[in-house]
Amino acid sequence: MKNFITFLIFNLLLISSAFASGGIGGGGIANIPQGQDREKYHLGKAVYNQDLTLEKQPNVKLIEQEERLEYLQGSLPNTEKRRVNLPDFAGKLTEEQITALEYFVQVRFNVKLPEKKKE
């Protein structure tokens, strides 16, 4: 009888450990790019998190930036829309910064933005 109980306990432990998941799954963030894209990603992240001091930029197309930033704002998840207001950055970003911000949003939130027309 003692051997039977030992055998039963051993099998229960073996079976229950076979069905263990090994970790908690869930919605992790996208993989951070490597190489040149890594710099662009981190610049966009700094702009998004307002880690940079943004000042009015001369020679910037304000209307165009507002449109791009409003589109980006609309593509964010609802929780992020409440946290950050991207159209507030209009007129304060260089072309490099706004491009990096668009890239960051694409990678971080898995958003597909329309391709820009080459002139």
Protein backbone atom coordinates (compact mmCIF):
# COMPACT_ATOMS: atom_id res chain seq x y z
CA MET A 1 0.00 0.00 0.00
CA LYS A 2 2.85 2.38 0.84
CA ASN A 3 4.42 1.72 -2.58
CA PHE A 4 1.11 2.41 -4.29
CA ILE A 5 0.75 5.82 -2.56
CA THR A 6 4.35 6.71 -3.40
CA PHE A 7 3.77 5.68 -7.00
CA LEU A 8 0.55 7.75 -7.16
CA ILE A 9 2.19 10.88 -5.69
CA PHE A 10 5.16 10.54 -8.04
CA ASN A 11 2.86 10.29 -11.09
CA LEU A 12 0.79 13.29 -9.99
CA LEU A 13 3.92 15.40 -9.60
CA LEU A 14 5.23 14.24 -12.96
CA ILE A 15 1.96 14.94 -14.77
CA SER A 16 1.37 18.34 -13.14
CA SER A 17 4.90 19.51 -13.97
CA ALA A 18 4.46 18.44 -17.59
CA PHE A 19 1.59 20.91 -18.01
CA ALA A 20 3.35 23.87 -16.42
CA SER A 21 3.66 26.83 -18.75
CA GLY A 22 7.14 27.88 -17.74
CA GLY A 23 6.35 31.55 -17.58
CA ILE A 24 3.79 34.22 -17.93
CA GLY A 25 2.80 35.06 -21.46
CA GLY A 26 1.41 38.35 -22.49
CA GLY A 27 1.71 41.39 -24.64
CA GLY A 28 5.34 42.34 -24.52
CA ILE A 29 6.72 45.29 -26.42
CA ALA A 30 8.09 45.00 -29.90
CA ASN A 31 11.73 44.12 -30.39
CA ILE A 32 14.00 47.14 -30.39
CA PRO A 33 15.71 47.43 -33.78
CA GLN A 34 19.45 47.05 -34.23
CA GLY A 35 21.94 49.14 -36.19
CA GLN A 36 21.03 52.52 -37.65
CA ASP A 37 17.35 52.02 -36.88
CA ARG A 38 18.21 51.75 -33.20
CA GLU A 39 19.29 55.42 -33.08
CA LYS A 40 16.13 56.49 -34.88
CA TYR A 41 14.02 54.40 -32.46
CA HIS A 42 15.64 55.92 -29.37
CA LEU A 43 15.32 59.47 -30.74
CA GLY A 44 11.63 58.85 -31.39
CA LYS A 45 11.25 57.38 -27.91
CA ALA A 46 12.89 60.46 -26.36
CA VAL A 47 10.54 62.76 -28.29
CA TYR A 48 7.50 60.65 -27.38
CA ASN A 49 8.38 60.54 -23.68
CA GLN A 50 9.22 64.26 -23.74
CA ASP A 51 12.78 63.62 -22.59
CA LEU A 52 14.01 66.30 -25.01
CA THR A 53 13.48 70.02 -24.62
CA LEU A 54 11.51 71.06 -27.69
CA GLU A 55 11.67 74.66 -28.87
CA LYS A 56 9.95 76.42 -31.75
CA GLN A 57 11.66 75.52 -35.01
CA PRO A 58 12.13 78.12 -37.74
CA ASN A 59 11.31 77.16 -41.32
CA VAL A 60 8.91 74.37 -40.34
CA LYS A 61 5.66 73.64 -42.15
CA LEU A 62 3.33 73.91 -39.15
CA ILE A 63 0.16 72.66 -40.90
CA GLU A 64 1.96 69.61 -42.30
CA GLN A 65 3.40 68.72 -38.88
CA GLU A 66 -0.02 69.14 -37.23
CA GLU A 67 -1.58 66.76 -39.75
CA ARG A 68 1.16 64.16 -39.31
CA LEU A 69 0.99 64.38 -35.52
CA GLU A 70 -2.82 64.21 -35.44
CA TYR A 71 -2.68 61.09 -37.60
CA LEU A 72 -0.08 59.58 -35.25
CA GLN A 73 -2.23 60.49 -32.23
CA GLY A 74 -5.21 58.74 -33.80
CA SER A 75 -3.20 55.57 -34.39
CA LEU A 76 -2.17 55.22 -30.73
CA PRO A 77 -3.93 52.80 -28.36
CA ASN A 78 -6.60 54.47 -26.21
CA THR A 79 -4.49 54.30 -23.04
CA GLU A 80 -1.67 56.15 -24.77
CA LYS A 81 -4.01 58.74 -26.29
CA ARG A 82 -4.87 59.86 -22.76
CA ARG A 83 -1.22 59.93 -21.68
CA VAL A 84 0.38 61.95 -24.49
CA ASN A 85 -0.87 64.66 -26.86
CA LEU A 86 1.33 64.53 -29.95
CA PRO A 87 -0.26 67.51 -31.78
CA ASP A 88 1.20 69.73 -29.02
CA PHE A 89 4.61 69.07 -30.59
CA ALA A 90 3.63 70.75 -33.88
CA GLY A 91 6.14 73.41 -34.90
CA LYS A 92 8.67 72.18 -32.33
CA LEU A 93 10.10 69.18 -34.18
CA THR A 94 12.78 68.96 -36.82
CA GLU A 95 12.14 66.67 -39.79
CA GLU A 96 14.54 64.12 -38.26
CA GLN A 97 12.64 64.17 -34.95
CA ILE A 98 9.18 63.77 -36.47
CA THR A 99 10.39 60.94 -38.71
CA ALA A 100 11.95 59.23 -35.69
CA LEU A 101 8.71 59.72 -33.73
CA GLU A 102 6.71 58.10 -36.53
CA TYR A 103 9.19 55.21 -36.62
CA PHE A 104 8.99 54.75 -32.83
CA VAL A 105 5.18 54.65 -32.88
CA GLN A 106 5.24 52.12 -35.74
CA VAL A 107 7.60 49.78 -33.92
CA ARG A 108 6.40 50.25 -30.34
CA PHE A 109 2.66 50.07 -30.99
CA ASN A 110 2.76 47.88 -34.13
CA VAL A 111 1.07 50.53 -36.25
CA LYS A 112 1.23 50.59 -40.04
CA LEU A 113 1.52 54.16 -41.32
CA PRO A 114 0.91 55.01 -44.98
CA GLU A 115 3.97 55.29 -47.19
CA LYS A 116 5.11 58.81 -47.99
CA LYS A 117 5.11 59.93 -51.59
CA LYS A 118 8.56 60.60 -52.98
CA GLU A 119 8.71 63.86 -54.85
